[in-house]
Amino acid sequence: MSDRRCVQPGCDDTAPGDAPVGLCEQHLALAAEWAGRRWGVLDTLPAPCIMCGSRLGRDYPSGWLCATCEWRQGEVPDDDLARPRIDVVYYLRHGDRVKIGTTTNPRQRFAAIWHDELLALERGDRHVERARHEQFAQERLERSEWFRSSPRLLAHIAAVARAVDPWDGYARWLSEAAALRGR
């Protein structure tokens, strides 16, 4: 605490020393409540967004909006409105091996594959997948989609991932595709 006084006229309470503005805790709480009504409060959605799968949302007094695609929580999409199709090349680790594959429905696909960890998602279709298989042919195990971990392969995966959670990137791609389709 500091010896600063609240700048609100008529208030003699002390403003916290680490407060961004010279308001007492009661007036800071009122300001935060006002800001939450105006701009929403960023938090975890009660359920994943049905349009993009994101878990991050903004809680407004009128309801939740997805922070990624701005879909209103609870609204049901038109039956005619199909989810956007996003082709991705995925990198799954199982032990010391990496699977490079492609899918348009990663959650469903990964449920069918034994793996320890999703390393990265790269936007691309079978052409990109084929290029990756050729690029890392030296690491390929027989004629499968599995590859030995190597510094070269892991460096490529790190570059693709760019320290972004793969699911956040996928949600962003879905959101962008939905927004483009809505134009």
N, C-alpha and C. Protein backbone atom coordinates (compact mmCIF):
# COMPACT_ATOMS: atom_id res chain seq x y z
N MET A 1 0.84 -1.19 0.00
CA MET A 1 0.00 0.00 0.00
C MET A 1 0.88 1.25 0.00
N SER A 2 0.33 2.30 -0.55
CA SER A 2 1.05 3.57 -0.56
C SER A 2 0.22 4.59 0.19
N ASP A 3 0.73 5.79 0.25
CA ASP A 3 -0.03 6.84 0.93
C ASP A 3 -0.79 7.70 -0.07
N ARG A 4 -0.96 7.19 -1.32
CA ARG A 4 -1.76 7.90 -2.31
C ARG A 4 -3.23 7.83 -1.90
N ARG A 5 -3.94 8.88 -2.15
CA ARG A 5 -5.37 8.92 -1.88
C ARG A 5 -6.11 8.67 -3.19
N CYS A 6 -7.28 8.09 -3.08
CA CYS A 6 -8.15 7.85 -4.23
C CYS A 6 -8.49 9.19 -4.87
N VAL A 7 -8.43 9.24 -6.20
CA VAL A 7 -8.70 10.49 -6.91
C VAL A 7 -10.18 10.75 -7.11
N GLN A 8 -11.02 9.78 -6.75
CA GLN A 8 -12.46 9.97 -6.85
C GLN A 8 -12.88 11.06 -5.86
N PRO A 9 -13.53 12.12 -6.36
CA PRO A 9 -13.95 13.21 -5.46
C PRO A 9 -14.79 12.68 -4.30
N GLY A 10 -14.47 13.13 -3.11
CA GLY A 10 -15.20 12.75 -1.91
C GLY A 10 -14.75 11.45 -1.28
N CYS A 11 -13.77 10.76 -1.87
CA CYS A 11 -13.29 9.50 -1.32
C CYS A 11 -11.95 9.76 -0.63
N ASP A 12 -11.84 9.31 0.60
CA ASP A 12 -10.60 9.50 1.36
C ASP A 12 -9.82 8.21 1.54
N ASP A 13 -10.25 7.14 0.83
CA ASP A 13 -9.53 5.87 0.97
C ASP A 13 -8.18 5.93 0.27
N THR A 14 -7.32 4.98 0.63
CA THR A 14 -5.98 4.90 0.06
C THR A 14 -6.01 4.10 -1.24
N ALA A 15 -5.30 4.58 -2.24
CA ALA A 15 -5.16 3.86 -3.51
C ALA A 15 -3.99 2.88 -3.40
N PRO A 16 -4.16 1.64 -3.85
CA PRO A 16 -3.04 0.69 -3.80
C PRO A 16 -1.85 1.21 -4.61
N GLY A 17 -0.66 0.96 -4.12
CA GLY A 17 0.55 1.44 -4.78
C GLY A 17 0.76 0.85 -6.15
N ASP A 18 0.26 -0.36 -6.37
CA ASP A 18 0.47 -1.00 -7.68
C ASP A 18 -0.71 -0.81 -8.62
N ALA A 19 -1.70 -0.01 -8.23
CA ALA A 19 -2.87 0.23 -9.08
C ALA A 19 -2.45 1.06 -10.30
N PRO A 20 -3.00 0.76 -11.48
CA PRO A 20 -2.62 1.51 -12.68
C PRO A 20 -3.13 2.95 -12.67
N VAL A 21 -4.15 3.21 -11.88
CA VAL A 21 -4.68 4.57 -11.72
C VAL A 21 -4.90 4.81 -10.23
N GLY A 22 -4.99 6.06 -9.86
CA GLY A 22 -5.10 6.40 -8.44
C GLY A 22 -6.50 6.24 -7.89
N LEU A 23 -7.00 5.03 -7.88
CA LEU A 23 -8.31 4.73 -7.31
C LEU A 23 -8.17 3.75 -6.16
N CYS A 24 -9.06 3.87 -5.18
CA CYS A 24 -9.07 2.89 -4.09
C CYS A 24 -9.61 1.57 -4.63
N GLU A 25 -9.52 0.51 -3.83
CA GLU A 25 -9.95 -0.81 -4.29
C GLU A 25 -11.43 -0.83 -4.66
N GLN A 26 -12.27 -0.15 -3.91
CA GLN A 26 -13.70 -0.13 -4.21
C GLN A 26 -13.96 0.53 -5.57
N HIS A 27 -13.30 1.63 -5.84
CA HIS A 27 -13.50 2.31 -7.12
C HIS A 27 -12.82 1.55 -8.27
N LEU A 28 -11.72 0.89 -7.99
CA LEU A 28 -11.11 0.02 -9.00
C LEU A 28 -12.06 -1.11 -9.39
N ALA A 29 -12.72 -1.71 -8.39
CA ALA A 29 -13.67 -2.78 -8.67
C ALA A 29 -14.83 -2.27 -9.51
N LEU A 30 -15.32 -1.08 -9.22
CA LEU A 30 -16.40 -0.50 -10.03
C LEU A 30 -15.94 -0.24 -11.46
N ALA A 31 -14.72 0.24 -11.62
CA ALA A 31 -14.18 0.48 -12.95
C ALA A 31 -14.00 -0.83 -13.71
N ALA A 32 -13.53 -1.88 -13.04
CA ALA A 32 -13.36 -3.18 -13.67
C ALA A 32 -14.71 -3.75 -14.10
N GLU A 33 -15.71 -3.60 -13.27
CA GLU A 33 -17.05 -4.07 -13.61
C GLU A 33 -17.58 -3.34 -14.85
N TRP A 34 -17.38 -2.04 -14.90
CA TRP A 34 -17.80 -1.24 -16.05
C TRP A 34 -17.07 -1.71 -17.32
N ALA A 35 -15.76 -1.89 -17.21
CA ALA A 35 -14.97 -2.33 -18.37
C ALA A 35 -15.41 -3.71 -18.83
N GLY A 36 -15.74 -4.60 -17.89
CA GLY A 36 -16.20 -5.93 -18.25
C GLY A 36 -17.50 -5.89 -19.02
N ARG A 37 -18.40 -5.01 -18.65
CA ARG A 37 -19.66 -4.88 -19.39
C ARG A 37 -19.41 -4.32 -20.78
N ARG A 38 -18.47 -3.41 -20.88
CA ARG A 38 -18.21 -2.75 -22.16
C ARG A 38 -17.41 -3.63 -23.12
N TRP A 39 -16.33 -4.24 -22.62
CA TRP A 39 -15.42 -5.01 -23.49
C TRP A 39 -15.43 -6.50 -23.21
N GLY A 40 -16.21 -6.94 -22.27
CA GLY A 40 -16.25 -8.35 -21.93
C GLY A 40 -15.03 -8.76 -21.11
N VAL A 41 -15.14 -9.90 -20.50
CA VAL A 41 -14.06 -10.43 -19.68
C VAL A 41 -13.51 -11.66 -20.39
N LEU A 42 -12.23 -11.65 -20.70
CA LEU A 42 -11.58 -12.77 -21.38
C LEU A 42 -11.45 -13.93 -20.40
N ASP A 43 -11.98 -15.10 -20.80
CA ASP A 43 -11.98 -16.25 -19.91
C ASP A 43 -12.18 -17.52 -20.75
N THR A 44 -12.17 -18.66 -20.10
CA THR A 44 -12.42 -19.93 -20.77
C THR A 44 -13.91 -20.08 -21.03
N LEU A 45 -14.26 -20.44 -22.28
CA LEU A 45 -15.66 -20.66 -22.62
C LEU A 45 -16.23 -21.82 -21.80
N PRO A 46 -17.52 -21.79 -21.51
CA PRO A 46 -18.13 -22.92 -20.79
C PRO A 46 -18.01 -24.24 -21.56
N ALA A 47 -17.98 -24.16 -22.89
CA ALA A 47 -17.81 -25.33 -23.75
C ALA A 47 -17.06 -24.87 -24.99
N PRO A 48 -16.35 -25.77 -25.68
CA PRO A 48 -15.62 -25.35 -26.89
C PRO A 48 -16.57 -24.72 -27.91
N CYS A 49 -16.07 -23.76 -28.64
CA CYS A 49 -16.85 -23.11 -29.70
C CYS A 49 -17.22 -24.15 -30.75
N ILE A 50 -18.50 -24.19 -31.13
CA ILE A 50 -18.93 -25.20 -32.10
C ILE A 50 -18.48 -24.86 -33.51
N MET A 51 -18.06 -23.63 -33.75
CA MET A 51 -17.61 -23.25 -35.08
C MET A 51 -16.11 -23.51 -35.28
N CYS A 52 -15.30 -23.13 -34.29
CA CYS A 52 -13.85 -23.24 -34.51
C CYS A 52 -13.14 -24.12 -33.47
N GLY A 53 -13.84 -24.50 -32.41
CA GLY A 53 -13.23 -25.37 -31.41
C GLY A 53 -12.42 -24.65 -30.35
N SER A 54 -12.32 -23.33 -30.43
CA SER A 54 -11.53 -22.57 -29.46
C SER A 54 -12.14 -22.69 -28.07
N ARG A 55 -11.32 -22.58 -27.04
CA ARG A 55 -11.80 -22.60 -25.65
C ARG A 55 -11.77 -21.21 -25.04
N LEU A 56 -11.28 -20.22 -25.77
CA LEU A 56 -11.14 -18.87 -25.23
C LEU A 56 -12.32 -18.01 -25.67
N GLY A 57 -12.91 -17.29 -24.71
CA GLY A 57 -14.06 -16.47 -25.03
C GLY A 57 -14.09 -15.18 -24.26
N ARG A 58 -15.07 -14.34 -24.60
CA ARG A 58 -15.33 -13.10 -23.87
C ARG A 58 -16.72 -13.20 -23.28
N ASP A 59 -16.78 -12.99 -21.96
CA ASP A 59 -18.04 -13.05 -21.22
C ASP A 59 -18.61 -11.64 -21.13
N TYR A 60 -19.75 -11.43 -21.80
CA TYR A 60 -20.47 -10.16 -21.75
C TYR A 60 -21.75 -10.37 -20.95
N PRO A 61 -22.36 -9.30 -20.45
CA PRO A 61 -23.65 -9.48 -19.77
C PRO A 61 -24.69 -10.15 -20.68
N SER A 62 -24.59 -9.96 -21.98
CA SER A 62 -25.55 -10.55 -22.92
C SER A 62 -25.20 -11.99 -23.29
N GLY A 63 -24.05 -12.50 -22.89
CA GLY A 63 -23.66 -13.87 -23.20
C GLY A 63 -22.21 -13.95 -23.65
N TRP A 64 -21.79 -15.17 -23.97
CA TRP A 64 -20.40 -15.45 -24.36
C TRP A 64 -20.22 -15.32 -25.86
N LEU A 65 -19.06 -14.78 -26.25
CA LEU A 65 -18.62 -14.79 -27.64
C LEU A 65 -17.28 -15.50 -27.69
N CYS A 66 -17.07 -16.29 -28.73
CA CYS A 66 -15.77 -16.92 -28.93
C CYS A 66 -14.75 -15.82 -29.21
N ALA A 67 -13.63 -15.85 -28.53
CA ALA A 67 -12.59 -14.83 -28.73
C ALA A 67 -11.86 -15.03 -30.05
N THR A 68 -11.98 -16.20 -30.66
CA THR A 68 -11.29 -16.47 -31.92
C THR A 68 -12.14 -16.10 -33.13
N CYS A 69 -13.37 -16.62 -33.17
CA CYS A 69 -14.20 -16.41 -34.36
C CYS A 69 -15.44 -15.56 -34.09
N GLU A 70 -15.65 -15.17 -32.85
CA GLU A 70 -16.77 -14.33 -32.42
C GLU A 70 -18.13 -14.99 -32.59
N TRP A 71 -18.17 -16.32 -32.62
CA TRP A 71 -19.44 -17.03 -32.65
C TRP A 71 -20.09 -16.92 -31.28
N ARG A 72 -21.39 -16.59 -31.25
CA ARG A 72 -22.10 -16.44 -29.98
C ARG A 72 -22.38 -17.82 -29.40
N GLN A 73 -21.91 -18.06 -28.18
CA GLN A 73 -22.11 -19.33 -27.49
C GLN A 73 -23.61 -19.60 -27.37
N GLY A 74 -24.01 -20.79 -27.74
CA GLY A 74 -25.41 -21.17 -27.64
C GLY A 74 -26.17 -21.06 -28.95
N GLU A 75 -25.65 -20.28 -29.90
CA GLU A 75 -26.33 -20.20 -31.19
C GLU A 75 -26.03 -21.45 -32.00
N VAL A 76 -27.03 -21.91 -32.70
CA VAL A 76 -26.89 -23.11 -33.52
C VAL A 76 -26.68 -22.66 -34.96
N PRO A 77 -25.65 -23.16 -35.62
CA PRO A 77 -25.43 -22.76 -37.02
C PRO A 77 -26.54 -23.29 -37.92
N ASP A 78 -26.76 -22.60 -39.01
CA ASP A 78 -27.71 -23.06 -40.01
C ASP A 78 -27.29 -24.44 -40.48
N ASP A 79 -28.28 -25.28 -40.76
CA ASP A 79 -27.96 -26.63 -41.26
C ASP A 79 -27.19 -26.56 -42.56
N ASP A 80 -27.45 -25.50 -43.34
CA ASP A 80 -26.77 -25.36 -44.63
C ASP A 80 -25.34 -24.86 -44.49
N LEU A 81 -24.99 -24.39 -43.31
CA LEU A 81 -23.67 -23.81 -43.09
C LEU A 81 -22.72 -24.87 -42.57
N ALA A 82 -21.97 -25.47 -43.48
CA ALA A 82 -21.01 -26.50 -43.09
C ALA A 82 -19.77 -25.84 -42.50
N ARG A 83 -19.11 -26.57 -41.61
CA ARG A 83 -17.84 -26.07 -41.08
C ARG A 83 -16.87 -25.90 -42.23
N PRO A 84 -16.02 -24.88 -42.15
CA PRO A 84 -15.02 -24.72 -43.22
C PRO A 84 -14.10 -25.93 -43.27
N ARG A 85 -13.64 -26.25 -44.46
CA ARG A 85 -12.70 -27.35 -44.64
C ARG A 85 -11.29 -26.78 -44.60
N ILE A 86 -10.51 -27.27 -43.68
CA ILE A 86 -9.12 -26.85 -43.54
C ILE A 86 -8.26 -28.11 -43.61
N ASP A 87 -7.44 -28.19 -44.63
CA ASP A 87 -6.50 -29.30 -44.75
C ASP A 87 -5.26 -28.97 -43.93
N VAL A 88 -4.83 -29.94 -43.11
CA VAL A 88 -3.62 -29.73 -42.31
C VAL A 88 -2.70 -30.93 -42.42
N VAL A 89 -1.42 -30.64 -42.37
CA VAL A 89 -0.40 -31.67 -42.22
C VAL A 89 -0.06 -31.69 -40.74
N TYR A 90 -0.08 -32.88 -40.16
CA TYR A 90 0.16 -32.99 -38.72
C TYR A 90 1.45 -33.75 -38.45
N TYR A 91 2.00 -33.47 -37.28
CA TYR A 91 3.22 -34.11 -36.80
C TYR A 91 2.92 -34.67 -35.42
N LEU A 92 2.80 -35.99 -35.32
CA LEU A 92 2.51 -36.67 -34.06
C LEU A 92 3.74 -37.44 -33.60
N ARG A 93 4.02 -37.35 -32.32
CA ARG A 93 5.15 -38.11 -31.76
C ARG A 93 4.62 -39.33 -31.03
N HIS A 94 5.25 -40.46 -31.26
CA HIS A 94 5.00 -41.67 -30.48
C HIS A 94 6.36 -42.28 -30.19
N GLY A 95 6.78 -42.16 -28.93
CA GLY A 95 8.13 -42.61 -28.58
C GLY A 95 9.16 -41.75 -29.29
N ASP A 96 10.07 -42.41 -30.02
CA ASP A 96 11.10 -41.66 -30.75
C ASP A 96 10.78 -41.57 -32.25
N ARG A 97 9.50 -41.80 -32.59
CA ARG A 97 9.08 -41.71 -33.98
C ARG A 97 8.12 -40.53 -34.16
N VAL A 98 8.02 -40.04 -35.38
CA VAL A 98 7.12 -38.94 -35.72
C VAL A 98 6.29 -39.36 -36.94
N LYS A 99 5.00 -39.19 -36.84
CA LYS A 99 4.11 -39.47 -37.97
C LYS A 99 3.79 -38.15 -38.66
N ILE A 100 3.96 -38.14 -39.98
CA ILE A 100 3.60 -36.98 -40.79
C ILE A 100 2.43 -37.42 -41.66
N GLY A 101 1.28 -36.82 -41.41
CA GLY A 101 0.07 -37.19 -42.15
C GLY A 101 -0.75 -35.95 -42.46
N THR A 102 -1.90 -36.17 -43.07
CA THR A 102 -2.79 -35.07 -43.40
C THR A 102 -4.22 -35.44 -43.05
N THR A 103 -5.02 -34.43 -42.75
CA THR A 103 -6.42 -34.64 -42.41
C THR A 103 -7.18 -33.34 -42.53
N THR A 104 -8.51 -33.44 -42.61
CA THR A 104 -9.37 -32.27 -42.54
C THR A 104 -10.13 -32.26 -41.20
N ASN A 105 -9.97 -33.33 -40.42
CA ASN A 105 -10.63 -33.42 -39.13
C ASN A 105 -9.64 -33.96 -38.10
N PRO A 106 -8.77 -33.08 -37.59
CA PRO A 106 -7.68 -33.57 -36.74
C PRO A 106 -8.14 -34.29 -35.46
N ARG A 107 -9.15 -33.80 -34.79
CA ARG A 107 -9.57 -34.44 -33.53
C ARG A 107 -10.01 -35.88 -33.78
N GLN A 108 -10.80 -36.08 -34.79
CA GLN A 108 -11.27 -37.42 -35.12
C GLN A 108 -10.11 -38.31 -35.57
N ARG A 109 -9.23 -37.77 -36.38
CA ARG A 109 -8.10 -38.54 -36.90
C ARG A 109 -7.16 -38.96 -35.78
N PHE A 110 -6.84 -38.03 -34.87
CA PHE A 110 -5.89 -38.33 -33.81
C PHE A 110 -6.45 -39.35 -32.81
N ALA A 111 -7.77 -39.38 -32.69
CA ALA A 111 -8.38 -40.36 -31.80
C ALA A 111 -8.13 -41.79 -32.31
N ALA A 112 -7.87 -41.93 -33.59
CA ALA A 112 -7.67 -43.24 -34.20
C ALA A 112 -6.20 -43.64 -34.30
N ILE A 113 -5.28 -42.78 -33.87
CA ILE A 113 -3.85 -43.04 -34.01
C ILE A 113 -3.20 -43.06 -32.63
N TRP A 114 -2.45 -44.12 -32.35
CA TRP A 114 -1.67 -44.15 -31.11
C TRP A 114 -0.59 -43.09 -31.20
N HIS A 115 -0.55 -42.20 -30.22
CA HIS A 115 0.50 -41.18 -30.20
C HIS A 115 0.66 -40.64 -28.78
N ASP A 116 1.82 -40.05 -28.52
CA ASP A 116 2.10 -39.45 -27.22
C ASP A 116 1.81 -37.97 -27.21
N GLU A 117 2.02 -37.31 -28.37
CA GLU A 117 1.95 -35.85 -28.37
C GLU A 117 1.74 -35.32 -29.78
N LEU A 118 0.90 -34.29 -29.87
CA LEU A 118 0.78 -33.53 -31.12
C LEU A 118 1.88 -32.48 -31.09
N LEU A 119 2.79 -32.54 -32.04
CA LEU A 119 3.92 -31.61 -32.06
C LEU A 119 3.59 -30.32 -32.81
N ALA A 120 2.89 -30.45 -33.94
CA ALA A 120 2.60 -29.25 -34.74
C ALA A 120 1.53 -29.57 -35.77
N LEU A 121 0.88 -28.51 -36.24
CA LEU A 121 -0.02 -28.58 -37.38
C LEU A 121 0.47 -27.56 -38.40
N GLU A 122 0.47 -27.97 -39.65
CA GLU A 122 0.90 -27.10 -40.74
C GLU A 122 -0.25 -27.06 -41.75
N ARG A 123 -0.63 -25.88 -42.15
CA ARG A 123 -1.71 -25.78 -43.12
C ARG A 123 -1.23 -26.33 -44.45
N GLY A 124 -1.97 -27.29 -44.99
CA GLY A 124 -1.58 -27.89 -46.25
C GLY A 124 -2.33 -29.18 -46.51
N ASP A 125 -2.34 -29.60 -47.77
CA ASP A 125 -3.07 -30.79 -48.18
C ASP A 125 -2.09 -31.93 -48.49
N ARG A 126 -2.56 -32.91 -49.27
CA ARG A 126 -1.73 -34.07 -49.60
C ARG A 126 -0.46 -33.70 -50.36
N HIS A 127 -0.50 -32.60 -51.12
CA HIS A 127 0.70 -32.16 -51.84
C HIS A 127 1.79 -31.74 -50.86
N VAL A 128 1.41 -31.02 -49.81
CA VAL A 128 2.38 -30.60 -48.79
C VAL A 128 2.87 -31.83 -48.03
N GLU A 129 1.95 -32.73 -47.69
CA GLU A 129 2.33 -33.96 -46.99
C GLU A 129 3.35 -34.74 -47.83
N ARG A 130 3.09 -34.89 -49.10
CA ARG A 130 4.01 -35.63 -49.98
C ARG A 130 5.37 -34.94 -50.03
N ALA A 131 5.36 -33.60 -50.08
CA ALA A 131 6.62 -32.85 -50.09
C ALA A 131 7.40 -33.09 -48.80
N ARG A 132 6.70 -33.16 -47.67
CA ARG A 132 7.38 -33.42 -46.38
C ARG A 132 7.94 -34.85 -46.35
N HIS A 133 7.19 -35.80 -46.90
CA HIS A 133 7.69 -37.17 -46.94
C HIS A 133 8.96 -37.25 -47.78
N GLU A 134 9.00 -36.52 -48.89
CA GLU A 134 10.21 -36.50 -49.73
C GLU A 134 11.34 -35.75 -49.03
N GLN A 135 11.00 -34.65 -48.37
CA GLN A 135 12.01 -33.84 -47.67
C GLN A 135 12.72 -34.66 -46.59
N PHE A 136 11.97 -35.53 -45.91
CA PHE A 136 12.55 -36.30 -44.81
C PHE A 136 12.63 -37.79 -45.15
N ALA A 137 12.86 -38.09 -46.41
CA ALA A 137 12.93 -39.48 -46.88
C ALA A 137 14.02 -40.28 -46.15
N GLN A 138 15.13 -39.62 -45.77
CA GLN A 138 16.21 -40.33 -45.07
C GLN A 138 15.77 -40.84 -43.71
N GLU A 139 14.80 -40.17 -43.09
CA GLU A 139 14.33 -40.56 -41.77
C GLU A 139 13.13 -41.51 -41.83
N ARG A 140 12.60 -41.75 -43.03
CA ARG A 140 11.37 -42.53 -43.18
C ARG A 140 11.58 -43.98 -42.78
N LEU A 141 10.62 -44.52 -42.06
CA LEU A 141 10.65 -45.92 -41.64
C LEU A 141 9.90 -46.76 -42.68
N GLU A 142 10.64 -47.57 -43.40
CA GLU A 142 10.11 -48.41 -44.47
C GLU A 142 9.25 -47.58 -45.40
N ARG A 143 8.04 -48.01 -45.71
CA ARG A 143 7.19 -47.27 -46.63
C ARG A 143 5.97 -46.72 -45.88
N SER A 144 6.19 -46.26 -44.67
CA SER A 144 5.09 -45.79 -43.83
C SER A 144 5.09 -44.26 -43.77
N GLU A 145 4.18 -43.72 -42.97
CA GLU A 145 4.15 -42.28 -42.70
C GLU A 145 4.89 -41.94 -41.41
N TRP A 146 5.64 -42.91 -40.88
CA TRP A 146 6.41 -42.72 -39.65
C TRP A 146 7.87 -42.46 -39.98
N PHE A 147 8.47 -41.57 -39.18
CA PHE A 147 9.84 -41.13 -39.42
C PHE A 147 10.62 -41.18 -38.11
N ARG A 148 11.92 -41.48 -38.21
CA ARG A 148 12.80 -41.41 -37.04
C ARG A 148 12.99 -39.95 -36.66
N SER A 149 12.95 -39.67 -35.36
CA SER A 149 13.26 -38.30 -34.91
C SER A 149 14.70 -38.00 -35.27
N SER A 150 14.93 -36.87 -35.83
CA SER A 150 16.28 -36.45 -36.14
C SER A 150 16.35 -34.95 -35.84
N PRO A 151 17.54 -34.43 -35.62
CA PRO A 151 17.65 -32.98 -35.40
C PRO A 151 17.05 -32.17 -36.55
N ARG A 152 17.22 -32.65 -37.77
CA ARG A 152 16.70 -31.95 -38.94
C ARG A 152 15.16 -31.94 -38.93
N LEU A 153 14.55 -33.08 -38.66
CA LEU A 153 13.09 -33.17 -38.62
C LEU A 153 12.54 -32.35 -37.45
N LEU A 154 13.16 -32.47 -36.29
CA LEU A 154 12.68 -31.72 -35.12
C LEU A 154 12.84 -30.21 -35.30
N ALA A 155 13.87 -29.79 -36.00
CA ALA A 155 14.06 -28.36 -36.28
C ALA A 155 12.95 -27.86 -37.21
N HIS A 156 12.59 -28.69 -38.20
CA HIS A 156 11.49 -28.31 -39.10
C HIS A 156 10.18 -28.20 -38.32
N ILE A 157 9.91 -29.16 -37.46
CA ILE A 157 8.68 -29.14 -36.66
C ILE A 157 8.65 -27.92 -35.76
N ALA A 158 9.79 -27.58 -35.16
CA ALA A 158 9.85 -26.39 -34.29
C ALA A 158 9.57 -25.12 -35.10
N ALA A 159 10.08 -25.07 -36.33
CA ALA A 159 9.84 -23.91 -37.18
C ALA A 159 8.36 -23.81 -37.57
N VAL A 160 7.74 -24.96 -37.85
CA VAL A 160 6.32 -24.98 -38.19
C VAL A 160 5.49 -24.55 -36.98
N ALA A 161 5.85 -25.05 -35.81
CA ALA A 161 5.07 -24.77 -34.60
C ALA A 161 5.21 -23.31 -34.16
N ARG A 162 6.38 -22.72 -34.34
CA ARG A 162 6.63 -21.32 -33.96
C ARG A 162 6.11 -20.98 -32.56
N ALA A 163 6.23 -21.89 -31.63
CA ALA A 163 5.81 -21.70 -30.23
C ALA A 163 4.32 -21.37 -30.10
N VAL A 164 3.52 -21.80 -31.09
CA VAL A 164 2.07 -21.61 -31.04
C VAL A 164 1.43 -22.96 -30.75
N ASP A 165 0.49 -22.98 -29.82
CA ASP A 165 -0.24 -24.21 -29.55
C ASP A 165 -0.93 -24.64 -30.85
N PRO A 166 -0.74 -25.90 -31.27
CA PRO A 166 -1.32 -26.33 -32.55
C PRO A 166 -2.83 -26.12 -32.63
N TRP A 167 -3.53 -26.34 -31.52
CA TRP A 167 -4.99 -26.19 -31.53
C TRP A 167 -5.39 -24.73 -31.66
N ASP A 168 -4.61 -23.82 -31.11
CA ASP A 168 -4.90 -22.39 -31.27
C ASP A 168 -4.74 -21.99 -32.74
N GLY A 169 -3.70 -22.48 -33.38
CA GLY A 169 -3.49 -22.18 -34.79
C GLY A 169 -4.61 -22.75 -35.64
N TYR A 170 -5.03 -23.97 -35.34
CA TYR A 170 -6.12 -24.60 -36.10
C TYR A 170 -7.42 -23.81 -35.91
N ALA A 171 -7.71 -23.39 -34.68
CA ALA A 171 -8.92 -22.60 -34.42
C ALA A 171 -8.87 -21.28 -35.20
N ARG A 172 -7.69 -20.66 -35.26
CA ARG A 172 -7.55 -19.42 -36.02
C ARG A 172 -7.82 -19.65 -37.51
N TRP A 173 -7.28 -20.75 -38.06
CA TRP A 173 -7.51 -21.05 -39.48
C TRP A 173 -9.00 -21.27 -39.75
N LEU A 174 -9.68 -22.00 -38.86
CA LEU A 174 -11.11 -22.21 -39.03
C LEU A 174 -11.86 -20.89 -38.97
N SER A 175 -11.48 -20.06 -38.03
CA SER A 175 -12.13 -18.75 -37.87
C SER A 175 -11.94 -17.90 -39.11
N GLU A 176 -10.73 -17.87 -39.62
CA GLU A 176 -10.44 -17.07 -40.83
C GLU A 176 -11.24 -17.59 -42.02
N ALA A 177 -11.31 -18.91 -42.16
CA ALA A 177 -12.06 -19.49 -43.28
C ALA A 177 -13.55 -19.18 -43.15
N ALA A 178 -14.08 -19.26 -41.94
CA ALA A 178 -15.50 -18.94 -41.72
C ALA A 178 -15.77 -17.48 -42.03
N ALA A 179 -14.86 -16.59 -41.62
CA ALA A 179 -15.04 -15.16 -41.87
C ALA A 179 -14.97 -14.87 -43.37
N LEU A 180 -14.04 -15.50 -44.07
CA LEU A 180 -13.94 -15.28 -45.53
C LEU A 180 -15.17 -15.78 -46.26
N ARG A 181 -15.71 -16.88 -45.79
CA ARG A 181 -16.90 -17.45 -46.42
C ARG A 181 -18.11 -16.55 -46.22
N GLY A 182 -18.13 -15.81 -45.10
CA GLY A 182 -19.26 -14.96 -44.77
C GLY A 182 -19.30 -13.67 -45.55
N ARG A 183 -18.27 -13.37 -46.32
CA ARG A 183 -18.22 -12.10 -47.08
C ARG A 183 -19.21 -12.09 -48.20
